[in-house]
Every structure is written in C-alpha cells, then in structure tokens.
Amino acid sequence: MADMQAQLATGQEMPILYWNFRRPLLGISSGTLGGGLGERHWALNASVPMSYDRDDPGTHLAELGAALGLAGPGTGLMTGVDVRDAVTAEDGGVSVSATVGLGSPAWAAAPDGHLRRLRPRTGEDVQPGVPVLGNNVGDPGGAYRPGTVNLVGFLPVRLGDAALVNAVATVAEAKAQAMWELGIEATGTASDAVALFCPLDGPAEPYGGPRSAWGARLARAVHAAIMAAGKDWLANPRAWQP
C-alpha cells in the first residue's frame, strides 16, 4: 500500500511523521484528533516537549496538519519522544510504525496514580543490559522520563467495524507481550495511542483477533516494531527537546 509510506517534516515547530493518503481510508483511533471510527485522509505523529501544556491538543494537531497542506479529516497523535526514531515493521502486507518511550509504564489494572515506574523483571528470563531507571512512585527524586507508545498501522484489506475494534484489542495484546519480553513490569503507559487504517471498500473481513489471518499479521508487526524501538530506547532513554 502506498499509503504506508511516511514522510518526515522537520521544518515545523517540532518533527512530525505524517502520511498523506492517496485515497481516503477507513480509520479507527484513540487519537486526540480524529479519534473514533470514520473516513480519514491523513495521519500524523508529532513530537512535543515534556513541558507541553496546551489544553487544546486536538486543535494544535489540526493546525499542524493544515501547515503541512493536509486536507480533509485526519488523525493526529502526540509523543514525548523524537518521531525520527520511529521503527516500521511489516508482516504479510500489514505495516506498523511505532514510536516508543518507556519511562512511565504501568499495569492496566492498577491503583490510581500508578505511573512513572520502570523496573525490569528479575530472573533468568531478563536480557542482560536492560537498565533499572528508577521508580517515581513514592520516590520524588526519581528521574521523569517520557512514556508513550504510539502506533500507526495499515492493513491492505477492508476490516468490518467489529473486526477493527477487535484489531485495536489485538494491538494492546501484542504491546503487552512486547513489554513483557523487554523485561518491563507493565502492560503499557497511561498515554499510549493507536491509529489503524484500511481500505473503505472491498469485502469486509469479519475478524481482527490475534488468531485471525489479518489480526495475526497485525500482532506480529506491532510486536516487532515495539521490540525494536523499545530496545533502542532502553539502550538510550531520551525525550525530544526543541
């Protein structure tokens, strides 16, 4: 799919990874801009500083898209890491772009305030070299680090609405598997976002779960992208700065 090809804009106020679709696609997203389910003409993933304090990120993302000449309804995500470090993985026609910051991971089912915790598991299953970066829960002196996993994925076949919802769940499962294999006690971060796109027409695939034909490919692509980007970030934890 030509729609998979990302472009990088660095002449704006921040680096932006964006996709200007050659034809409208059906999208499902948790993004601040263009979230939900519907026809989308473009997508972007923008780096912002950890000091970002605008209370209208959806409007800001729309402004960034307009400055890039992106027209029509789009989807926008933000991250505290540099989108130039994005990793793309493909599997059987499915493509996924991941930007990964792992400084603020947490379990999904956890008490309120369970954030900013990065403690690799201990034992023989942990890969050597995975650093312990501190724990800010009850430790005000701990170092704050960016913690967002953003995923933008493209499937070459139409998925039915229910299958798209299932595909989002599949993404979450693959992300949790990658976190475990990276040696991190977490299922994700509190600010993770996802955007998935597929054609608007064609026979609708009814399933998007991890053992369906296209869900399995999506899961493997998500897993591979997060593993590669996650290992890179763990080797050199960093945030984007203007």
C-alpha atoms as a PDB file:
ATOM      1  CA  MET A   1       0.000   0.000   0.000  1.00  0.00           C
ATOM      2  CA  ALA A   2       1.420   3.369  -0.992  1.00  0.00           C
ATOM      3  CA  ASP A   3      -0.424   4.811   1.988  1.00  0.00           C
ATOM      4  CA  MET A   4       2.117   3.149   4.271  1.00  0.00           C
ATOM      5  CA  GLN A   5       4.925   5.464   3.199  1.00  0.00           C
ATOM      6  CA  ALA A   6       5.565   8.051   5.903  1.00  0.00           C
ATOM      7  CA  GLN A   7       7.062  11.463   5.321  1.00  0.00           C
ATOM      8  CA  LEU A   8       9.108  13.413   7.846  1.00  0.00           C
ATOM      9  CA  ALA A   9       8.676  17.153   8.335  1.00  0.00           C
ATOM     10  CA  THR A  10      11.393  18.888  10.367  1.00  0.00           C
ATOM     11  CA  GLY A  11      10.813  22.492   9.327  1.00  0.00           C
ATOM     12  CA  GLN A  12       7.846  22.910  11.649  1.00  0.00           C
ATOM     13  CA  GLU A  13       7.879  23.766  15.358  1.00  0.00           C
ATOM     14  CA  MET A  14       8.549  20.084  16.063  1.00  0.00           C
ATOM     15  CA  PRO A  15       9.419  16.994  13.998  1.00  0.00           C
ATOM     16  CA  ILE A  16       6.318  15.381  12.504  1.00  0.00           C
ATOM     17  CA  LEU A  17       5.895  11.976  10.910  1.00  0.00           C
ATOM     18  CA  TYR A  18       2.911  12.076   8.579  1.00  0.00           C
ATOM     19  CA  TRP A  19       1.014  10.096   5.968  1.00  0.00           C
ATOM     20  CA  ASN A  20      -0.983  11.829   3.222  1.00  0.00           C
ATOM     21  CA  PHE A  21      -3.214   9.087   1.841  1.00  0.00           C
ATOM     22  CA  ARG A  22      -3.567   8.782  -1.915  1.00  0.00           C
ATOM     23  CA  ARG A  23      -7.163   7.779  -1.321  1.00  0.00           C
ATOM     24  CA  PRO A  24      -9.370   8.076   1.759  1.00  0.00           C
ATOM     25  CA  LEU A  25      -9.113   5.195   4.201  1.00  0.00           C
ATOM     26  CA  LEU A  26     -11.281   3.853   6.982  1.00  0.00           C
ATOM     27  CA  GLY A  27      -9.638   4.589  10.316  1.00  0.00           C
ATOM     28  CA  ILE A  28     -10.103   3.719  13.961  1.00  0.00           C
ATOM     29  CA  SER A  29      -8.092   5.613  16.525  1.00  0.00           C
ATOM     30  CA  SER A  30      -7.769   6.746  20.118  1.00  0.00           C
ATOM     31  CA  GLY A  31      -6.010   9.908  18.936  1.00  0.00           C
ATOM     32  CA  THR A  32      -6.854  13.360  20.279  1.00  0.00           C
ATOM     33  CA  LEU A  33      -7.585  14.453  16.720  1.00  0.00           C
ATOM     34  CA  GLY A  34      -9.735  12.229  14.530  1.00  0.00           C
ATOM     35  CA  GLY A  35     -10.358   9.619  17.190  1.00  0.00           C
ATOM     36  CA  GLY A  36     -13.131   7.081  16.829  1.00  0.00           C
ATOM     37  CA  LEU A  37     -14.167   5.396  13.605  1.00  0.00           C
ATOM     38  CA  GLY A  38     -14.540   7.075  10.221  1.00  0.00           C
ATOM     39  CA  GLU A  39     -13.114   8.121   6.877  1.00  0.00           C
ATOM     40  CA  ARG A  40      -9.657   9.681   7.146  1.00  0.00           C
ATOM     41  CA  HIS A  41      -7.446  11.397   4.559  1.00  0.00           C
ATOM     42  CA  TRP A  42      -4.200  11.653   6.523  1.00  0.00           C
ATOM     43  CA  ALA A  43      -2.466  10.840   9.804  1.00  0.00           C
ATOM     44  CA  LEU A  44       0.396  12.332  11.757  1.00  0.00           C
ATOM     45  CA  ASN A  45       2.509  11.630  14.823  1.00  0.00           C
ATOM     46  CA  ALA A  46       4.137  14.752  16.289  1.00  0.00           C
ATOM     47  CA  SER A  47       6.881  15.150  18.879  1.00  0.00           C
ATOM     48  CA  VAL A  48       6.192  17.549  21.731  1.00  0.00           C
ATOM     49  CA  PRO A  49       8.423  18.553  24.668  1.00  0.00           C
ATOM     50  CA  MET A  50       7.780  17.087  28.092  1.00  0.00           C
ATOM     51  CA  SER A  51       6.811  20.623  29.153  1.00  0.00           C
ATOM     52  CA  TYR A  52       3.910  20.672  26.666  1.00  0.00           C
ATOM     53  CA  ASP A  53       0.954  22.389  28.323  1.00  0.00           C
ATOM     54  CA  ARG A  54      -1.565  23.348  25.646  1.00  0.00           C
ATOM     55  CA  ASP A  55      -5.074  22.388  26.715  1.00  0.00           C
ATOM     56  CA  ASP A  56      -6.292  22.017  23.112  1.00  0.00           C
ATOM     57  CA  PRO A  57      -4.056  19.315  21.592  1.00  0.00           C
ATOM     58  CA  GLY A  58      -6.705  18.361  19.027  1.00  0.00           C
ATOM     59  CA  THR A  59      -6.772  21.919  17.689  1.00  0.00           C
ATOM     60  CA  HIS A  60      -2.987  22.031  17.731  1.00  0.00           C
ATOM     61  CA  LEU A  61      -2.748  18.811  15.726  1.00  0.00           C
ATOM     62  CA  ALA A  62      -5.247  20.162  13.187  1.00  0.00           C
ATOM     63  CA  GLU A  63      -3.085  23.283  12.843  1.00  0.00           C
ATOM     64  CA  LEU A  64      -0.006  21.148  12.260  1.00  0.00           C
ATOM     65  CA  GLY A  65      -1.830  19.174   9.586  1.00  0.00           C
ATOM     66  CA  ALA A  66      -3.008  22.350   7.852  1.00  0.00           C
ATOM     67  CA  ALA A  67       0.544  23.751   7.893  1.00  0.00           C
ATOM     68  CA  LEU A  68       1.652  20.600   6.053  1.00  0.00           C
ATOM     69  CA  GLY A  69      -1.083  21.044   3.453  1.00  0.00           C
ATOM     70  CA  LEU A  70      -3.068  18.047   4.660  1.00  0.00           C
ATOM     71  CA  ALA A  71      -6.713  18.414   3.663  1.00  0.00           C
ATOM     72  CA  GLY A  72      -9.872  16.685   4.815  1.00  0.00           C
ATOM     73  CA  PRO A  73     -10.460  14.762   8.049  1.00  0.00           C
ATOM     74  CA  GLY A  74      -7.313  13.318   9.593  1.00  0.00           C
ATOM     75  CA  THR A  75      -5.961  11.633  12.683  1.00  0.00           C
ATOM     76  CA  GLY A  76      -3.281  13.075  14.953  1.00  0.00           C
ATOM     77  CA  LEU A  77      -1.144  11.658  17.773  1.00  0.00           C
ATOM     78  CA  MET A  78       1.481  13.251  20.029  1.00  0.00           C
ATOM     79  CA  THR A  79       4.517  11.822  21.778  1.00  0.00           C
ATOM     80  CA  GLY A  80       7.321  12.984  24.043  1.00  0.00           C
ATOM     81  CA  VAL A  81       9.942  11.053  22.073  1.00  0.00           C
ATOM     82  CA  ASP A  82      11.516  12.015  18.761  1.00  0.00           C
ATOM     83  CA  VAL A  83       9.442  10.677  15.867  1.00  0.00           C
ATOM     84  CA  ARG A  84      12.663  10.446  13.863  1.00  0.00           C
ATOM     85  CA  ASP A  85      13.339   7.355  15.992  1.00  0.00           C
ATOM     86  CA  ALA A  86      10.185   5.642  14.716  1.00  0.00           C
ATOM     87  CA  VAL A  87      10.508   1.986  13.751  1.00  0.00           C
ATOM     88  CA  THR A  88       8.422   0.404  10.989  1.00  0.00           C
ATOM     89  CA  ALA A  89       7.714  -3.329  10.828  1.00  0.00           C
ATOM     90  CA  GLU A  90       5.784  -5.288   8.216  1.00  0.00           C
ATOM     91  CA  ASP A  91       4.172  -8.700   8.156  1.00  0.00           C
ATOM     92  CA  GLY A  92       2.207 -10.167   5.261  1.00  0.00           C
ATOM     93  CA  GLY A  93       1.093  -6.809   3.858  1.00  0.00           C
ATOM     94  CA  VAL A  94       0.446  -5.163   7.242  1.00  0.00           C
ATOM     95  CA  SER A  95       2.666  -2.216   8.155  1.00  0.00           C
ATOM     96  CA  VAL A  96       3.086  -0.640  11.605  1.00  0.00           C
ATOM     97  CA  SER A  97       5.024   2.462  12.649  1.00  0.00           C
ATOM     98  CA  ALA A  98       5.919   2.700  16.338  1.00  0.00           C
ATOM     99  CA  THR A  99       7.371   5.468  18.469  1.00  0.00           C
ATOM    100  CA  VAL A 100       8.277   4.143  21.893  1.00  0.00           C
ATOM    101  CA  GLY A 101       9.069   5.830  25.200  1.00  0.00           C
ATOM    102  CA  LEU A 102       9.084   3.517  28.214  1.00  0.00           C
ATOM    103  CA  GLY A 103       9.822   5.822  31.124  1.00  0.00           C
ATOM    104  CA  SER A 104       6.306   5.824  32.584  1.00  0.00           C
ATOM    105  CA  PRO A 105       4.953   2.289  32.225  1.00  0.00           C
ATOM    106  CA  ALA A 106       2.154   0.913  34.360  1.00  0.00           C
ATOM    107  CA  TRP A 107      -0.079  -2.095  34.726  1.00  0.00           C
ATOM    108  CA  ALA A 108      -3.504  -1.616  33.175  1.00  0.00           C
ATOM    109  CA  ALA A 109      -5.295  -2.836  36.320  1.00  0.00           C
ATOM    110  CA  ALA A 110      -3.543  -0.795  38.990  1.00  0.00           C
ATOM    111  CA  PRO A 111      -4.386   1.722  41.715  1.00  0.00           C
ATOM    112  CA  ASP A 112      -4.862   5.381  40.818  1.00  0.00           C
ATOM    113  CA  GLY A 113      -1.571   7.215  40.491  1.00  0.00           C
ATOM    114  CA  HIS A 114       0.360   4.107  39.415  1.00  0.00           C
ATOM    115  CA  LEU A 115       2.649   5.869  36.937  1.00  0.00           C
ATOM    116  CA  ARG A 116       6.304   6.565  36.191  1.00  0.00           C
ATOM    117  CA  ARG A 117       7.542   3.136  37.126  1.00  0.00           C
ATOM    118  CA  LEU A 118      10.241   1.291  35.226  1.00  0.00           C
ATOM    119  CA  ARG A 119      11.618  -1.792  36.913  1.00  0.00           C
ATOM    120  CA  PRO A 120      12.679  -4.720  34.745  1.00  0.00           C
ATOM    121  CA  ARG A 121      11.789  -8.185  35.986  1.00  0.00           C
ATOM    122  CA  THR A 122      14.450 -10.166  37.747  1.00  0.00           C
ATOM    123  CA  GLY A 123      15.399 -13.701  36.883  1.00  0.00           C
ATOM    124  CA  GLU A 124      16.873 -15.735  34.093  1.00  0.00           C
ATOM    125  CA  ASP A 125      14.277 -14.543  31.560  1.00  0.00           C
ATOM    126  CA  VAL A 126      15.565 -10.940  31.607  1.00  0.00           C
ATOM    127  CA  GLN A 127      18.001  -9.995  28.890  1.00  0.00           C
ATOM    128  CA  PRO A 128      21.335  -8.589  30.118  1.00  0.00           C
ATOM    129  CA  GLY A 129      21.776  -4.864  29.722  1.00  0.00           C
ATOM    130  CA  VAL A 130      18.177  -3.801  30.420  1.00  0.00           C
ATOM    131  CA  PRO A 131      18.681  -0.846  32.789  1.00  0.00           C
ATOM    132  CA  VAL A 132      16.900  -0.054  36.010  1.00  0.00           C
ATOM    133  CA  LEU A 133      15.789   3.553  35.571  1.00  0.00           C
ATOM    134  CA  GLY A 134      14.185   4.195  38.920  1.00  0.00           C
ATOM    135  CA  ASN A 135      10.682   4.292  40.328  1.00  0.00           C
ATOM    136  CA  ASN A 136       8.909   7.606  40.848  1.00  0.00           C
ATOM    137  CA  VAL A 137       6.016   6.066  42.768  1.00  0.00           C
ATOM    138  CA  GLY A 138       6.779   7.200  46.303  1.00  0.00           C
ATOM    139  CA  ASP A 139      10.184   8.413  45.134  1.00  0.00           C
ATOM    140  CA  PRO A 140      10.069  12.158  44.297  1.00  0.00           C
ATOM    141  CA  GLY A 141      13.752  12.069  43.440  1.00  0.00           C
ATOM    142  CA  GLY A 142      13.282   9.577  40.637  1.00  0.00           C
ATOM    143  CA  ALA A 143      14.036  10.784  37.115  1.00  0.00           C
ATOM    144  CA  TYR A 144      10.990  11.555  34.987  1.00  0.00           C
ATOM    145  CA  ARG A 145      11.274  10.111  31.501  1.00  0.00           C
ATOM    146  CA  PRO A 146       8.894  10.093  28.532  1.00  0.00           C
ATOM    147  CA  GLY A 147       6.420   7.258  28.479  1.00  0.00           C
ATOM    148  CA  THR A 148       4.260   6.968  25.377  1.00  0.00           C
ATOM    149  CA  VAL A 149       3.849   4.175  22.833  1.00  0.00           C
ATOM    150  CA  ASN A 150       2.205   5.445  19.648  1.00  0.00           C
ATOM    151  CA  LEU A 151       1.266   3.001  16.908  1.00  0.00           C
ATOM    152  CA  VAL A 152       0.078   3.772  13.377  1.00  0.00           C
ATOM    153  CA  GLY A 153      -0.881   0.698  11.381  1.00  0.00           C
ATOM    154  CA  PHE A 154      -2.089  -0.048   7.859  1.00  0.00           C
ATOM    155  CA  LEU A 155      -3.917  -3.141   6.661  1.00  0.00           C
ATOM    156  CA  PRO A 156      -4.326  -3.757   2.908  1.00  0.00           C
ATOM    157  CA  VAL A 157      -7.812  -5.271   3.227  1.00  0.00           C
ATOM    158  CA  ARG A 158     -11.119  -3.897   4.474  1.00  0.00           C
ATOM    159  CA  LEU A 159     -11.965  -4.877   8.027  1.00  0.00           C
ATOM    160  CA  GLY A 160     -15.543  -4.778   9.247  1.00  0.00           C
ATOM    161  CA  ASP A 161     -16.317  -2.360  12.059  1.00  0.00           C
ATOM    162  CA  ALA A 162     -16.345  -5.109  14.689  1.00  0.00           C
ATOM    163  CA  ALA A 163     -13.086  -6.513  13.301  1.00  0.00           C
ATOM    164  CA  LEU A 164     -11.483  -3.071  13.611  1.00  0.00           C
ATOM    165  CA  VAL A 165     -12.495  -2.886  17.256  1.00  0.00           C
ATOM    166  CA  ASN A 166     -11.055  -6.362  17.720  1.00  0.00           C
ATOM    167  CA  ALA A 167      -7.873  -5.257  15.932  1.00  0.00           C
ATOM    168  CA  VAL A 168      -7.362  -2.470  18.489  1.00  0.00           C
ATOM    169  CA  ALA A 169      -7.568  -5.107  21.232  1.00  0.00           C
ATOM    170  CA  THR A 170      -5.083  -7.227  19.301  1.00  0.00           C
ATOM    171  CA  VAL A 171      -2.678  -4.285  19.213  1.00  0.00           C
ATOM    172  CA  ALA A 172      -2.950  -3.958  23.000  1.00  0.00           C
ATOM    173  CA  GLU A 173      -2.251  -7.669  23.479  1.00  0.00           C
ATOM    174  CA  ALA A 174       0.800  -7.570  21.207  1.00  0.00           C
ATOM    175  CA  LYS A 175       2.084  -4.471  23.011  1.00  0.00           C
ATOM    176  CA  ALA A 176       1.713  -6.166  26.395  1.00  0.00           C
ATOM    177  CA  GLN A 177       3.614  -9.200  25.072  1.00  0.00           C
ATOM    178  CA  ALA A 178       6.425  -6.952  23.857  1.00  0.00           C
ATOM    179  CA  MET A 179       6.614  -5.143  27.193  1.00  0.00           C
ATOM    180  CA  TRP A 180       6.971  -8.473  28.963  1.00  0.00           C
ATOM    181  CA  GLU A 181       9.666  -9.655  26.580  1.00  0.00           C
ATOM    182  CA  LEU A 182      11.524  -6.353  27.013  1.00  0.00           C
ATOM    183  CA  GLY A 183      11.660  -7.152  30.716  1.00  0.00           C
ATOM    184  CA  ILE A 184       9.297  -4.374  31.827  1.00  0.00           C
ATOM    185  CA  GLU A 185       6.662  -4.948  34.502  1.00  0.00           C
ATOM    186  CA  ALA A 186       3.817  -3.183  32.701  1.00  0.00           C
ATOM    187  CA  THR A 187       1.174  -3.573  30.018  1.00  0.00           C
ATOM    188  CA  GLY A 188       1.810  -0.142  28.503  1.00  0.00           C
ATOM    189  CA  THR A 189       1.815   3.517  29.506  1.00  0.00           C
ATOM    190  CA  ALA A 190      -1.050   5.779  30.502  1.00  0.00           C
ATOM    191  CA  SER A 191      -0.738   7.874  27.346  1.00  0.00           C
ATOM    192  CA  ASP A 192      -0.433   5.201  24.644  1.00  0.00           C
ATOM    193  CA  ALA A 193      -2.354   5.833  21.424  1.00  0.00           C
ATOM    194  CA  VAL A 194      -3.193   3.807  18.336  1.00  0.00           C
ATOM    195  CA  ALA A 195      -4.462   4.509  14.835  1.00  0.00           C
ATOM    196  CA  LEU A 196      -5.322   1.751  12.358  1.00  0.00           C
ATOM    197  CA  PHE A 197      -6.311   2.224   8.725  1.00  0.00           C
ATOM    198  CA  CYS A 198      -7.720   0.002   5.999  1.00  0.00           C
ATOM    199  CA  PRO A 199      -9.485   0.475   2.646  1.00  0.00           C
ATOM    200  CA  LEU A 200     -13.007   1.864   2.651  1.00  0.00           C
ATOM    201  CA  ASP A 201     -14.240  -0.681   0.132  1.00  0.00           C
ATOM    202  CA  GLY A 202     -13.921  -4.367  -0.658  1.00  0.00           C
ATOM    203  CA  PRO A 203     -15.240  -7.459   1.111  1.00  0.00           C
ATOM    204  CA  ALA A 204     -15.152  -6.845   4.851  1.00  0.00           C
ATOM    205  CA  GLU A 205     -13.035  -9.233   6.897  1.00  0.00           C
ATOM    206  CA  PRO A 206     -15.152 -10.247   9.901  1.00  0.00           C
ATOM    207  CA  TYR A 207     -12.365 -10.874  12.422  1.00  0.00           C
ATOM    208  CA  GLY A 208      -9.390  -8.940  13.787  1.00  0.00           C
ATOM    209  CA  GLY A 209      -8.347 -11.091  16.741  1.00  0.00           C
ATOM    210  CA  PRO A 210      -4.787 -12.356  17.174  1.00  0.00           C
ATOM    211  CA  ARG A 211      -5.501 -15.743  15.597  1.00  0.00           C
ATOM    212  CA  SER A 212      -7.419 -14.384  12.613  1.00  0.00           C
ATOM    213  CA  ALA A 213      -5.481 -14.109   9.349  1.00  0.00           C
ATOM    214  CA  TRP A 214      -5.061 -10.323   9.436  1.00  0.00           C
ATOM    215  CA  GLY A 215      -5.082  -9.914  13.190  1.00  0.00           C
ATOM    216  CA  ALA A 216      -2.152 -12.295  13.489  1.00  0.00           C
ATOM    217  CA  ARG A 217      -0.152 -10.301  10.945  1.00  0.00           C
ATOM    218  CA  LEU A 218      -1.024  -7.082  12.724  1.00  0.00           C
ATOM    219  CA  ALA A 219       0.033  -8.533  16.082  1.00  0.00           C
ATOM    220  CA  ARG A 220       3.391  -9.688  14.739  1.00  0.00           C
ATOM    221  CA  ALA A 221       4.080  -6.316  13.107  1.00  0.00           C
ATOM    222  CA  VAL A 222       3.160  -4.431  16.302  1.00  0.00           C
ATOM    223  CA  HIS A 223       5.304  -6.764  18.399  1.00  0.00           C
ATOM    224  CA  ALA A 224       8.311  -6.454  16.088  1.00  0.00           C
ATOM    225  CA  ALA A 225       8.099  -2.649  15.908  1.00  0.00           C
ATOM    226  CA  ILE A 226       7.788  -2.212  19.683  1.00  0.00           C
ATOM    227  CA  MET A 227      10.578  -4.684  20.390  1.00  0.00           C
ATOM    228  CA  ALA A 228      12.983  -2.866  18.063  1.00  0.00           C
ATOM    229  CA  ALA A 229      12.043   0.652  19.163  1.00  0.00           C
ATOM    230  CA  GLY A 230      11.854  -0.388  22.821  1.00  0.00           C
ATOM    231  CA  LYS A 231      15.339  -1.918  22.841  1.00  0.00           C
ATOM    232  CA  ASP A 232      16.695   1.236  21.218  1.00  0.00           C
ATOM    233  CA  TRP A 233      15.035   3.480  23.817  1.00  0.00           C
ATOM    234  CA  LEU A 234      16.164   1.325  26.748  1.00  0.00           C
ATOM    235  CA  ALA A 235      19.746   1.494  25.492  1.00  0.00           C
ATOM    236  CA  ASN A 236      19.491   5.311  25.383  1.00  0.00           C
ATOM    237  CA  PRO A 237      16.456   6.734  27.234  1.00  0.00           C
ATOM    238  CA  ARG A 238      15.666  10.152  25.818  1.00  0.00           C
ATOM    239  CA  ALA A 239      12.959  12.732  25.230  1.00  0.00           C
ATOM    240  CA  TRP A 240      12.574  15.163  22.357  1.00  0.00           C
ATOM    241  CA  GLN A 241      13.582  18.726  23.136  1.00  0.00           C
ATOM    242  CA  PRO A 242      13.048  21.803  20.916  1.00  0.00           C
END
